[in-house]
Every structure is written in structure tokens, then in C-alpha cells.
Amino acid sequence: MRLALALLFSFIILSSTQPSQAQVSGSGLPLPRFVSLRAGEVNLRTGPGIQYPVDWVYRKSGLPLQVIAEYKTWRKVMDWQGSQGWIHQTMLSAKRTFIIIGRLKTVLSKADRKARPIVKLQDSVVGRLISCPSGSKFCRIEVEGFEGWMARSDFWGVLKGESLE
């Protein structure tokens, strides 16, 4: 069965390239790309269809996921912990979010490590990406009314070198 599935999905392009070199998927959107969960409860399945078992249930709307492959209306995604599986496209949103991984991270008033701190964020906090200027090591973010700048290396949810305006 696994060999048959591998052959069936052999046409799916998996890419770990920069956004400017990203592959185009069947939907016409680039791969890889980031999305977020649309609902507060979403099943991650072992394959692209409801006949496949649920491997995991996400229970937080807005969590960022990276789409790494597509099959019809199903998206193969990877989360910040490296877990992979399939989610139906209706459960995903194009809204860009991020998640803090690791120790406390600081949101700054400007795109500068020496800028005034606004708030500190704990591990697993999810927020909204506002922009990531081209060539900048910082992104503008918002979390529960706090808006400021955070180093790209302080969170998961943006591709290396990706520009988000």
C-alpha cells in the first residue's frame, strides 16, 4: 500500500527552495508557502482524503502551517514541530500568522535589536504577521493589541528571504 501511495504521489513537487525559486502547485500557488488554521479544531490526516485516519487534532485557530504539497483539494502541511500530514483546503486560511518557539522573545518598537522593548512573548504564543520587508531581518507583527517588530529568527512562520508586504 505504501509503495502504491508513493507512486501515486510521485508527481507532487516537494521543494525547500527560496520563495523566488518556489515551485508552482496545482492550485497555482507557490510551494512551499505558509497558511494558518481557519477553525478551532482541525484534523491532520495520514493521507489526502477522509478515508485516511486522523493522526492529530489541532485545537487552536490561527496556528501557522507550511504547505509542502497538494493533491486535489488536500494540502500536505508541516507544523513548527516538524509533524506532517494532510488537511482539507477549506480548513486553511491565507492569513499569515507566526508562532514563538523556545524561550521568551521580545517585540521591539523598531526593526533594531537595540530598540525599546514593547512586550515579551512566551513559547507557543501565536500572532499575526503584518509585513516582512525585503532584505530585512525583522518582521512587523501583532499579538493581542501589541504591535511592533520581531527578528525573523525569533519565530516560525516565514520562509527565509521571503518578502511580505
N, C-alpha and C. Protein backbone atom coordinates (compact mmCIF):
# COMPACT_ATOMS: atom_id res chain seq x y z
N MET A 1 0.83 -1.20 0.00
CA MET A 1 0.00 0.00 0.00
C MET A 1 0.87 1.25 0.00
N ARG A 2 1.91 1.28 0.85
CA ARG A 2 2.77 2.46 0.91
C ARG A 2 3.46 2.72 -0.42
N LEU A 3 3.89 1.63 -1.10
CA LEU A 3 4.54 1.79 -2.39
C LEU A 3 3.56 2.37 -3.39
N ALA A 4 2.32 1.90 -3.37
CA ALA A 4 1.30 2.42 -4.27
C ALA A 4 1.06 3.90 -4.00
N LEU A 5 0.99 4.28 -2.73
CA LEU A 5 0.80 5.69 -2.38
C LEU A 5 2.00 6.52 -2.82
N ALA A 6 3.19 5.97 -2.63
CA ALA A 6 4.39 6.69 -3.04
C ALA A 6 4.38 6.93 -4.54
N LEU A 7 3.98 5.92 -5.30
CA LEU A 7 3.90 6.08 -6.75
C LEU A 7 2.81 7.06 -7.14
N LEU A 8 1.65 6.98 -6.45
CA LEU A 8 0.55 7.87 -6.74
C LEU A 8 0.93 9.33 -6.54
N PHE A 9 1.71 9.60 -5.49
CA PHE A 9 2.06 10.97 -5.18
C PHE A 9 3.43 11.38 -5.70
N SER A 10 4.03 10.54 -6.54
CA SER A 10 5.37 10.85 -7.03
C SER A 10 5.40 12.10 -7.89
N PHE A 11 4.25 12.50 -8.42
CA PHE A 11 4.20 13.69 -9.25
C PHE A 11 4.16 14.98 -8.44
N ILE A 12 3.89 14.87 -7.14
CA ILE A 12 3.81 16.06 -6.29
C ILE A 12 5.21 16.61 -6.08
N ILE A 13 5.35 17.88 -6.32
CA ILE A 13 6.66 18.52 -6.19
C ILE A 13 6.86 18.99 -4.77
N LEU A 14 7.91 18.48 -4.14
CA LEU A 14 8.30 18.96 -2.82
C LEU A 14 9.50 19.85 -3.00
N SER A 15 9.50 21.00 -2.35
CA SER A 15 10.58 21.94 -2.55
C SER A 15 10.97 22.60 -1.25
N SER A 16 12.27 22.79 -1.07
CA SER A 16 12.75 23.53 0.09
C SER A 16 13.56 24.73 -0.39
N THR A 17 13.18 25.25 -1.54
CA THR A 17 13.91 26.37 -2.14
C THR A 17 13.42 27.70 -1.58
N GLN A 18 14.11 28.76 -1.92
CA GLN A 18 13.73 30.10 -1.54
C GLN A 18 12.42 30.46 -2.22
N PRO A 19 11.65 31.42 -1.69
CA PRO A 19 10.37 31.79 -2.29
C PRO A 19 10.50 32.20 -3.76
N SER A 20 11.58 32.87 -4.13
CA SER A 20 11.74 33.31 -5.50
C SER A 20 11.95 32.13 -6.44
N GLN A 21 12.34 30.97 -5.88
CA GLN A 21 12.57 29.79 -6.69
C GLN A 21 11.51 28.73 -6.42
N ALA A 22 10.44 29.11 -5.72
CA ALA A 22 9.42 28.15 -5.32
C ALA A 22 8.74 27.52 -6.52
N GLN A 23 8.33 26.29 -6.35
CA GLN A 23 7.59 25.58 -7.38
C GLN A 23 6.14 26.05 -7.34
N VAL A 24 5.45 25.94 -8.47
CA VAL A 24 4.04 26.28 -8.53
C VAL A 24 3.24 25.00 -8.41
N SER A 25 2.21 25.02 -7.57
CA SER A 25 1.41 23.84 -7.30
C SER A 25 0.23 23.76 -8.26
N GLY A 26 -0.57 22.72 -8.12
CA GLY A 26 -1.77 22.56 -8.93
C GLY A 26 -2.76 23.69 -8.74
N SER A 27 -2.76 24.32 -7.58
CA SER A 27 -3.65 25.45 -7.31
C SER A 27 -3.13 26.73 -7.93
N GLY A 28 -1.90 26.69 -8.44
CA GLY A 28 -1.28 27.89 -8.99
C GLY A 28 -0.54 28.71 -7.96
N LEU A 29 -0.57 28.27 -6.71
CA LEU A 29 0.12 28.97 -5.63
C LEU A 29 1.49 28.33 -5.42
N PRO A 30 2.45 29.10 -4.90
CA PRO A 30 3.81 28.56 -4.74
C PRO A 30 3.91 27.51 -3.63
N LEU A 31 4.86 26.63 -3.79
CA LEU A 31 5.21 25.63 -2.78
C LEU A 31 6.68 25.79 -2.48
N PRO A 32 7.11 25.79 -1.26
CA PRO A 32 6.27 25.82 -0.06
C PRO A 32 5.69 27.21 0.17
N ARG A 33 4.65 27.27 1.02
CA ARG A 33 4.05 28.55 1.42
C ARG A 33 3.44 28.37 2.79
N PHE A 34 3.21 29.48 3.48
CA PHE A 34 2.60 29.42 4.81
C PHE A 34 1.12 29.78 4.74
N VAL A 35 0.35 29.10 5.58
CA VAL A 35 -1.08 29.34 5.75
C VAL A 35 -1.35 29.26 7.25
N SER A 36 -2.61 29.42 7.63
CA SER A 36 -2.98 29.25 9.04
C SER A 36 -4.27 28.45 9.12
N LEU A 37 -4.55 27.93 10.30
CA LEU A 37 -5.76 27.15 10.51
C LEU A 37 -6.97 28.08 10.59
N ARG A 38 -8.01 27.74 9.86
CA ARG A 38 -9.23 28.56 9.81
C ARG A 38 -10.13 28.28 11.02
N ALA A 39 -10.11 27.06 11.54
CA ALA A 39 -11.03 26.66 12.60
C ALA A 39 -10.30 26.31 13.89
N GLY A 40 -11.06 26.19 14.95
CA GLY A 40 -10.51 25.87 16.26
C GLY A 40 -10.28 24.39 16.49
N GLU A 41 -10.75 23.55 15.56
CA GLU A 41 -10.49 22.11 15.63
C GLU A 41 -10.33 21.60 14.20
N VAL A 42 -9.12 21.11 13.90
CA VAL A 42 -8.79 20.66 12.54
C VAL A 42 -8.06 19.33 12.61
N ASN A 43 -8.53 18.38 11.80
CA ASN A 43 -7.90 17.06 11.75
C ASN A 43 -6.71 17.05 10.79
N LEU A 44 -5.61 16.48 11.24
CA LEU A 44 -4.44 16.22 10.41
C LEU A 44 -4.50 14.73 10.08
N ARG A 45 -4.61 14.41 8.79
CA ARG A 45 -4.78 13.02 8.37
C ARG A 45 -3.50 12.44 7.79
N THR A 46 -3.43 11.12 7.75
CA THR A 46 -2.24 10.44 7.23
C THR A 46 -2.19 10.45 5.71
N GLY A 47 -3.28 10.78 5.06
CA GLY A 47 -3.33 10.84 3.60
C GLY A 47 -4.37 11.84 3.14
N PRO A 48 -4.44 12.12 1.83
CA PRO A 48 -5.33 13.14 1.29
C PRO A 48 -6.76 12.65 1.06
N GLY A 49 -7.52 12.47 2.12
CA GLY A 49 -8.91 12.05 1.99
C GLY A 49 -9.48 11.68 3.34
N ILE A 50 -10.82 11.71 3.45
CA ILE A 50 -11.45 11.39 4.74
C ILE A 50 -11.35 9.91 5.08
N GLN A 51 -10.99 9.08 4.09
CA GLN A 51 -10.82 7.65 4.36
C GLN A 51 -9.53 7.37 5.13
N TYR A 52 -8.62 8.34 5.19
CA TYR A 52 -7.36 8.16 5.92
C TYR A 52 -7.57 8.48 7.39
N PRO A 53 -6.86 7.78 8.27
CA PRO A 53 -7.04 8.03 9.71
C PRO A 53 -6.54 9.41 10.13
N VAL A 54 -7.16 9.91 11.19
CA VAL A 54 -6.73 11.17 11.80
C VAL A 54 -5.51 10.86 12.65
N ASP A 55 -4.43 11.56 12.36
CA ASP A 55 -3.17 11.37 13.08
C ASP A 55 -3.06 12.33 14.26
N TRP A 56 -3.67 13.49 14.12
CA TRP A 56 -3.53 14.55 15.12
C TRP A 56 -4.72 15.49 14.97
N VAL A 57 -5.13 16.15 16.06
CA VAL A 57 -6.17 17.17 16.00
C VAL A 57 -5.59 18.47 16.54
N TYR A 58 -5.57 19.49 15.68
CA TYR A 58 -5.14 20.83 16.12
C TYR A 58 -6.36 21.51 16.75
N ARG A 59 -6.14 22.20 17.86
CA ARG A 59 -7.24 22.81 18.59
C ARG A 59 -7.07 24.31 18.81
N LYS A 60 -6.42 24.98 17.88
CA LYS A 60 -6.25 26.43 18.01
C LYS A 60 -6.32 27.08 16.65
N SER A 61 -7.33 27.88 16.44
CA SER A 61 -7.46 28.64 15.20
C SER A 61 -6.28 29.59 15.04
N GLY A 62 -5.80 29.75 13.81
CA GLY A 62 -4.72 30.69 13.55
C GLY A 62 -3.32 30.10 13.59
N LEU A 63 -3.17 28.84 13.99
CA LEU A 63 -1.83 28.25 14.01
C LEU A 63 -1.22 28.26 12.61
N PRO A 64 0.05 28.65 12.50
CA PRO A 64 0.69 28.64 11.18
C PRO A 64 1.09 27.23 10.77
N LEU A 65 0.98 26.94 9.48
CA LEU A 65 1.41 25.68 8.90
C LEU A 65 2.07 25.99 7.57
N GLN A 66 3.00 25.13 7.18
CA GLN A 66 3.66 25.30 5.89
C GLN A 66 3.08 24.25 4.94
N VAL A 67 2.54 24.70 3.81
CA VAL A 67 2.04 23.79 2.78
C VAL A 67 3.25 23.33 1.97
N ILE A 68 3.43 21.99 1.91
CA ILE A 68 4.59 21.45 1.20
C ILE A 68 4.20 20.62 -0.02
N ALA A 69 2.90 20.29 -0.15
CA ALA A 69 2.43 19.54 -1.32
C ALA A 69 0.92 19.70 -1.43
N GLU A 70 0.39 19.36 -2.60
CA GLU A 70 -1.04 19.42 -2.84
C GLU A 70 -1.49 18.18 -3.61
N TYR A 71 -2.72 17.75 -3.32
CA TYR A 71 -3.37 16.69 -4.10
C TYR A 71 -4.85 17.03 -4.15
N LYS A 72 -5.31 17.46 -5.29
CA LYS A 72 -6.70 17.91 -5.48
C LYS A 72 -7.03 18.97 -4.44
N THR A 73 -8.01 18.72 -3.54
CA THR A 73 -8.41 19.73 -2.55
C THR A 73 -7.72 19.54 -1.20
N TRP A 74 -6.70 18.69 -1.17
CA TRP A 74 -5.98 18.40 0.07
C TRP A 74 -4.60 19.04 0.05
N ARG A 75 -4.15 19.50 1.22
CA ARG A 75 -2.84 20.13 1.35
C ARG A 75 -2.00 19.35 2.36
N LYS A 76 -0.80 18.96 1.92
CA LYS A 76 0.13 18.34 2.85
C LYS A 76 0.84 19.46 3.56
N VAL A 77 0.79 19.44 4.88
CA VAL A 77 1.34 20.53 5.67
C VAL A 77 2.38 20.01 6.66
N MET A 78 3.19 20.94 7.12
CA MET A 78 4.16 20.67 8.17
C MET A 78 4.00 21.75 9.23
N ASP A 79 4.02 21.34 10.50
CA ASP A 79 3.91 22.33 11.57
C ASP A 79 5.29 22.69 12.12
N TRP A 80 5.32 23.57 13.09
CA TRP A 80 6.57 24.11 13.66
C TRP A 80 7.40 23.03 14.36
N GLN A 81 6.78 21.89 14.67
CA GLN A 81 7.49 20.81 15.33
C GLN A 81 7.96 19.75 14.33
N GLY A 82 7.66 19.94 13.05
CA GLY A 82 8.07 19.00 12.02
C GLY A 82 7.05 17.93 11.69
N SER A 83 5.93 17.90 12.39
CA SER A 83 4.87 16.93 12.09
C SER A 83 4.27 17.24 10.73
N GLN A 84 3.97 16.18 9.96
CA GLN A 84 3.40 16.35 8.62
C GLN A 84 2.14 15.53 8.47
N GLY A 85 1.24 16.01 7.65
CA GLY A 85 0.01 15.30 7.35
C GLY A 85 -0.82 16.10 6.37
N TRP A 86 -2.05 15.64 6.16
CA TRP A 86 -2.93 16.24 5.15
C TRP A 86 -4.14 16.89 5.79
N ILE A 87 -4.49 18.09 5.29
CA ILE A 87 -5.65 18.85 5.76
C ILE A 87 -6.42 19.32 4.53
N HIS A 88 -7.76 19.27 4.62
CA HIS A 88 -8.58 19.77 3.51
C HIS A 88 -8.42 21.28 3.40
N GLN A 89 -8.39 21.77 2.16
CA GLN A 89 -8.13 23.19 1.91
C GLN A 89 -9.14 24.12 2.59
N THR A 90 -10.38 23.67 2.80
CA THR A 90 -11.38 24.53 3.44
C THR A 90 -11.05 24.83 4.90
N MET A 91 -10.16 24.06 5.50
CA MET A 91 -9.78 24.27 6.90
C MET A 91 -8.58 25.20 7.03
N LEU A 92 -8.08 25.71 5.90
CA LEU A 92 -6.89 26.56 5.90
C LEU A 92 -7.23 27.97 5.42
N SER A 93 -6.50 28.93 5.94
CA SER A 93 -6.69 30.34 5.59
C SER A 93 -5.38 30.91 5.05
N ALA A 94 -5.47 31.88 4.17
CA ALA A 94 -4.28 32.56 3.66
C ALA A 94 -3.74 33.59 4.65
N LYS A 95 -4.45 33.83 5.75
CA LYS A 95 -3.98 34.79 6.76
C LYS A 95 -2.65 34.31 7.31
N ARG A 96 -1.71 35.23 7.38
CA ARG A 96 -0.35 34.89 7.83
C ARG A 96 -0.20 35.09 9.32
N THR A 97 0.26 34.04 9.97
CA THR A 97 0.50 34.07 11.40
C THR A 97 1.88 33.51 11.70
N PHE A 98 2.27 33.56 12.95
CA PHE A 98 3.56 33.01 13.38
C PHE A 98 3.37 32.39 14.75
N ILE A 99 4.35 31.59 15.16
CA ILE A 99 4.35 31.01 16.50
C ILE A 99 5.75 31.17 17.10
N ILE A 100 5.77 31.51 18.37
CA ILE A 100 7.03 31.64 19.11
C ILE A 100 7.50 30.24 19.49
N ILE A 101 8.78 29.98 19.26
CA ILE A 101 9.36 28.71 19.68
C ILE A 101 10.56 28.98 20.58
N GLY A 102 10.60 28.26 21.70
CA GLY A 102 11.73 28.42 22.60
C GLY A 102 11.46 29.41 23.72
N ARG A 103 12.51 30.02 24.16
CA ARG A 103 12.45 30.92 25.32
C ARG A 103 11.69 32.21 25.00
N LEU A 104 11.59 33.09 25.99
CA LEU A 104 10.92 34.39 25.83
C LEU A 104 11.54 35.17 24.68
N LYS A 105 10.67 35.81 23.88
CA LYS A 105 11.12 36.65 22.75
C LYS A 105 10.56 38.05 22.95
N THR A 106 11.30 39.06 22.51
CA THR A 106 10.92 40.44 22.73
C THR A 106 10.41 41.10 21.45
N VAL A 107 9.26 41.76 21.58
CA VAL A 107 8.73 42.59 20.49
C VAL A 107 9.30 43.98 20.69
N LEU A 108 9.86 44.56 19.62
CA LEU A 108 10.56 45.84 19.70
C LEU A 108 9.78 46.97 19.02
N SER A 109 10.08 48.20 19.40
CA SER A 109 9.40 49.37 18.83
C SER A 109 9.88 49.69 17.41
N LYS A 110 11.08 49.25 17.06
CA LYS A 110 11.64 49.47 15.72
C LYS A 110 12.35 48.19 15.28
N ALA A 111 12.67 48.11 14.00
CA ALA A 111 13.38 46.96 13.44
C ALA A 111 14.87 47.06 13.75
N ASP A 112 15.18 47.01 15.06
CA ASP A 112 16.55 47.16 15.54
C ASP A 112 16.66 46.46 16.89
N ARG A 113 17.64 45.59 17.06
CA ARG A 113 17.81 44.83 18.32
C ARG A 113 17.96 45.76 19.53
N LYS A 114 18.41 47.00 19.32
CA LYS A 114 18.62 47.94 20.42
C LYS A 114 17.39 48.81 20.69
N ALA A 115 16.31 48.58 19.95
CA ALA A 115 15.09 49.39 20.10
C ALA A 115 14.41 49.10 21.43
N ARG A 116 13.51 50.00 21.81
CA ARG A 116 12.75 49.88 23.06
C ARG A 116 11.86 48.64 23.02
N PRO A 117 11.91 47.79 24.06
CA PRO A 117 11.03 46.62 24.11
C PRO A 117 9.58 47.02 24.36
N ILE A 118 8.65 46.33 23.72
CA ILE A 118 7.22 46.60 23.90
C ILE A 118 6.59 45.54 24.79
N VAL A 119 6.87 44.26 24.48
CA VAL A 119 6.29 43.16 25.23
C VAL A 119 7.16 41.92 25.00
N LYS A 120 7.13 41.00 25.96
CA LYS A 120 7.84 39.73 25.81
C LYS A 120 6.80 38.64 25.57
N LEU A 121 7.12 37.72 24.66
CA LEU A 121 6.20 36.65 24.29
C LEU A 121 6.78 35.29 24.69
N GLN A 122 5.94 34.45 25.27
CA GLN A 122 6.36 33.12 25.70
C GLN A 122 6.27 32.12 24.55
N ASP A 123 6.89 30.97 24.77
CA ASP A 123 6.82 29.84 23.85
C ASP A 123 5.36 29.52 23.51
N SER A 124 5.09 29.23 22.25
CA SER A 124 3.77 28.82 21.74
C SER A 124 2.77 29.94 21.56
N VAL A 125 3.15 31.19 21.82
CA VAL A 125 2.24 32.30 21.55
C VAL A 125 2.11 32.45 20.03
N VAL A 126 0.87 32.64 19.57
CA VAL A 126 0.58 32.81 18.15
C VAL A 126 0.17 34.26 17.91
N GLY A 127 0.68 34.84 16.83
CA GLY A 127 0.34 36.21 16.49
C GLY A 127 0.18 36.38 14.99
N ARG A 128 -0.11 37.60 14.57
CA ARG A 128 -0.36 37.91 13.16
C ARG A 128 0.87 38.59 12.56
N LEU A 129 1.26 38.12 11.38
CA LEU A 129 2.34 38.77 10.63
C LEU A 129 1.73 39.92 9.84
N ILE A 130 2.29 41.11 9.99
CA ILE A 130 1.81 42.27 9.24
C ILE A 130 2.64 42.46 7.99
N SER A 131 3.97 42.48 8.15
CA SER A 131 4.86 42.62 7.00
C SER A 131 6.26 42.13 7.34
N CYS A 132 6.96 41.71 6.31
CA CYS A 132 8.36 41.32 6.40
C CYS A 132 9.06 41.96 5.21
N PRO A 133 9.61 43.15 5.39
CA PRO A 133 10.23 43.85 4.27
C PRO A 133 11.38 43.06 3.63
N SER A 134 11.49 43.19 2.34
CA SER A 134 12.55 42.52 1.58
C SER A 134 13.91 42.94 2.12
N GLY A 135 14.78 41.98 2.36
CA GLY A 135 16.14 42.26 2.82
C GLY A 135 16.26 42.57 4.30
N SER A 136 15.14 42.62 5.03
CA SER A 136 15.18 42.94 6.45
C SER A 136 15.25 41.66 7.28
N LYS A 137 15.93 41.76 8.43
CA LYS A 137 15.99 40.64 9.36
C LYS A 137 14.82 40.67 10.34
N PHE A 138 13.91 41.64 10.18
CA PHE A 138 12.78 41.84 11.08
C PHE A 138 11.46 41.80 10.34
N CYS A 139 10.41 41.45 11.08
CA CYS A 139 9.04 41.48 10.57
C CYS A 139 8.18 42.28 11.54
N ARG A 140 7.18 42.97 10.99
CA ARG A 140 6.22 43.69 11.81
C ARG A 140 5.13 42.70 12.18
N ILE A 141 4.81 42.64 13.47
CA ILE A 141 3.86 41.64 13.97
C ILE A 141 2.84 42.30 14.90
N GLU A 142 1.77 41.54 15.20
CA GLU A 142 0.77 41.99 16.15
C GLU A 142 0.31 40.79 16.98
N VAL A 143 0.26 40.99 18.29
CA VAL A 143 -0.22 39.96 19.21
C VAL A 143 -1.11 40.62 20.25
N GLU A 144 -2.38 40.28 20.27
CA GLU A 144 -3.33 40.76 21.27
C GLU A 144 -3.22 42.26 21.54
N GLY A 145 -3.21 43.05 20.48
CA GLY A 145 -3.17 44.50 20.60
C GLY A 145 -1.78 45.11 20.67
N PHE A 146 -0.77 44.31 20.87
CA PHE A 146 0.61 44.80 20.88
C PHE A 146 1.17 44.67 19.47
N GLU A 147 1.65 45.79 18.94
CA GLU A 147 2.21 45.79 17.59
C GLU A 147 3.65 46.28 17.64
N GLY A 148 4.52 45.61 16.89
CA GLY A 148 5.92 46.02 16.87
C GLY A 148 6.72 45.15 15.92
N TRP A 149 8.03 45.07 16.19
CA TRP A 149 8.95 44.37 15.30
C TRP A 149 9.61 43.21 16.03
N MET A 150 9.83 42.13 15.30
CA MET A 150 10.49 40.96 15.87
C MET A 150 11.44 40.38 14.83
N ALA A 151 12.61 39.94 15.29
CA ALA A 151 13.58 39.32 14.40
C ALA A 151 12.98 38.04 13.80
N ARG A 152 13.20 37.82 12.51
CA ARG A 152 12.70 36.62 11.83
C ARG A 152 13.16 35.35 12.54
N SER A 153 14.35 35.39 13.11
CA SER A 153 14.90 34.21 13.78
C SER A 153 14.21 33.90 15.11
N ASP A 154 13.34 34.79 15.58
CA ASP A 154 12.67 34.60 16.87
C ASP A 154 11.34 33.86 16.78
N PHE A 155 10.89 33.53 15.58
CA PHE A 155 9.60 32.86 15.43
C PHE A 155 9.60 31.95 14.21
N TRP A 156 8.54 31.14 14.09
CA TRP A 156 8.36 30.25 12.94
C TRP A 156 7.11 30.69 12.20
N GLY A 157 7.22 30.84 10.87
CA GLY A 157 6.04 31.22 10.09
C GLY A 157 6.36 32.04 8.86
N VAL A 158 7.64 32.20 8.55
CA VAL A 158 8.03 32.93 7.34
C VAL A 158 9.22 32.20 6.71
N LEU A 159 9.23 32.14 5.39
CA LEU A 159 10.32 31.49 4.69
C LEU A 159 11.57 32.38 4.69
N LYS A 160 12.73 31.78 4.70
CA LYS A 160 13.98 32.53 4.65
C LYS A 160 13.99 33.41 3.40
N GLY A 161 14.23 34.69 3.57
CA GLY A 161 14.29 35.62 2.45
C GLY A 161 12.93 36.05 1.90
N GLU A 162 11.84 35.56 2.48
CA GLU A 162 10.51 35.90 1.98
C GLU A 162 10.16 37.34 2.30
N SER A 163 9.53 37.99 1.33
CA SER A 163 9.04 39.36 1.49
C SER A 163 7.53 39.31 1.64
N LEU A 164 7.02 39.98 2.64
CA LEU A 164 5.58 40.02 2.89
C LEU A 164 5.19 41.47 3.11
N GLU A 165 4.40 42.01 2.21
CA GLU A 165 4.02 43.43 2.30
C GLU A 165 2.56 43.61 2.61
